Each structure stands twice: as structure tokens, then as C-alpha cells.
């Protein structure tokens, strides 16, 4: 069992708080992604779990044992870095075998593990080559195979695909997800790429300014963001936010139309809706009270769909349209939200209203 428990972990660099009392549990064999913008603290947290950084306070437990006082080599972990870190003077075979040789395993066991992990990563035909003869994608496969060959309880990955081109990243995402499921390794994966996070993770922990603001499945963080930041960070394009004013009895004025919402004491809320969760109506069939009008400012043809950036009550509204929609910049757009996809936020706390 390799459940990871991070308890009240905080980190300060001088007077700067990089992490604020992080509490997080990663289940045995779970693939958890730490997702956030550059500088939010996700790599610092990963390095604390690895033992490459010391927490200012808090505890790290792996498999029921406290490890934050142990050296990295004694924690039962392996790590894959962004820059591959493949030894150029060693063959692919010797690179994969490096950790096994350090552990002084018998040659027969070394051969068995090297061949098995090479097969898993589809590099079995490259074992005699040196890194200078490999592509970037092949070197990254070697780095992952070397980590998996030691059969670690925990695998830590720090933006391992960020140096690859877009097509290769897509191929490696699918490959890594399959391989890690087969290896049954508990994995923490750091990235700033939401596509990587959503396509690979069992669960995503979103980090913002040293705090985990939501930890849930990809579908949950996308459909039900726990706070304003999550809605604005997850999704491309991100969630729309419009000002809402109370009308009474749970009704709210949003861009000049009445929309049913939560019955709360506040007079002001933020109304959130994803661009693809907006219905568009013909001006001839629309009721102005139920379907407000927005003016199209910019149209972006994106192949599978058309993205319209509109202005409504001096606020920005993005709407996903069919790729063959007959509209142009300057046209009015009559819209209404899909009722069960609306999300409401308290502007004072930025938290979602449940």
C-alpha cells in the first residue's frame, strides 16, 4: 500500500509563503495531478514529498510511515524530471538499469526488470543506443522506464512532457496513463497544462497561491468549480462571469434578464456559465425578457466550432457557436444559459454558492 498523506504542510522562503497548510490524501495506486500556474507552489509541494525540499512545518506519510525526516533514497519513491536527465555516456539499457545496479540486484533480476519496463515503454529495440541517438520523446520514455524499473511505491513526475511537441505530448499522455495503470504505482504528476491534467488524472488538485482550492475528478472541477479561480483557470475558453443583482424571491437580474438562482442574503452575486452551455436564439423567436442580446465583437473560427466574443452590459461574454453559423462581427446575439449548468459565486469570498 502506498497511500500518501500530506498533513498541514507549509513552506516559507524568507518572508514569502510558498505553501499554506496543505492537507491532501492520495489513495494507493491513484494518479493525482497537481495543476496550477507557474509559481503557485505545486513543484515545491512535489519536492517536499520527494525529500528534495524541507517543509517549514507539517508531515508527509507514505504507506502509513512518516517520511519527512527520511532521506529521499529511503522514501520508496522515484522521480521523473522535466529535462529527462538521461545519462549521455550510458546506453538505454544501462540508463534503465542504473537504479537497479545501485540497489545491487542480481544480474538476472536486472535483465528481467529492464526488459519488462522497456517493453512497457515501447523502447525494447533501443536498448543498445546512446541518448544522442534518441529523439526527445524516446529520451523521455527512457527516463520513465528507469523510474519504473525500480518498482517504486510512489512515482513523482514534474512536467515531464513540457519539452515535447504537441503531437508527441498527446501520444505520450495516452501511453503514460496506460503504463502507470498497469504498474499500479501511486503517482503525483505536476503540470500547468489543463489538457494533460484532465485527460490523465484520476483526480486533479488545483493549486493557487500556495493553497489547494479544489481536489476532485476532471468532470467535477470542470462542471462544478469550487471557487471563481477554478472556473477561470479550467476550460479553454474559461467560464463566463457576469454581475448579478438580487430582484427578490431567488430571482436575479443578469445582463437585463431575470434568472432563477439561490435565495441568499447578498444583493450581489456572480453568475457563471461555460461558453458551450449557452443557447443561441433567432431574434424573431426570442423574448427579450428571457433572452438578452449581446453584440458580437470578435469571431474566431476554430475548426470544430466558432468562438464569439461578445459585449453585454460592458462585460465580456464568450459563446461557442456551430462552425457554419451565419453571423459576423457587429451582429446581435440572443442568448440564454442552460439552467442546470449555471454556477453562482459570492463576489466577497470568490467561493461557489452550493
Foldseek 3Di string as FASTA:
>chain_A
DWKKWWFQFWADDVPATLAGGETDIFDQLFEEEEAEDPSLNPVVVLCQQQQVDQTPDTFMDTPNHTPSVDHNVPNLEFEAEQVLPADQVAFLLCSLLVVVVVVVDDPVLSVVLSCVLCVLLVNNVRRGHGPVVDDLLVSLSSSVSSRCSVLGQEYEYENNCPPDDDVSSVVVLVSVLVSSSVSSHRYYYYDNDLVSRQVRGPWYFYGGNNYGQDIGHSVCLDQPPFFQVSQVSPDVNGKFKFKWFDPDPQWIQTLQETDGHDDDDDGIKIKIAHQAQKDWDDPVPDDCRQWPKWFFADWDQDPQWIWTWTAGPNGTDIHTHGNPDPDDGGDIITIHGNRVRMWMAHPVVRGTDD
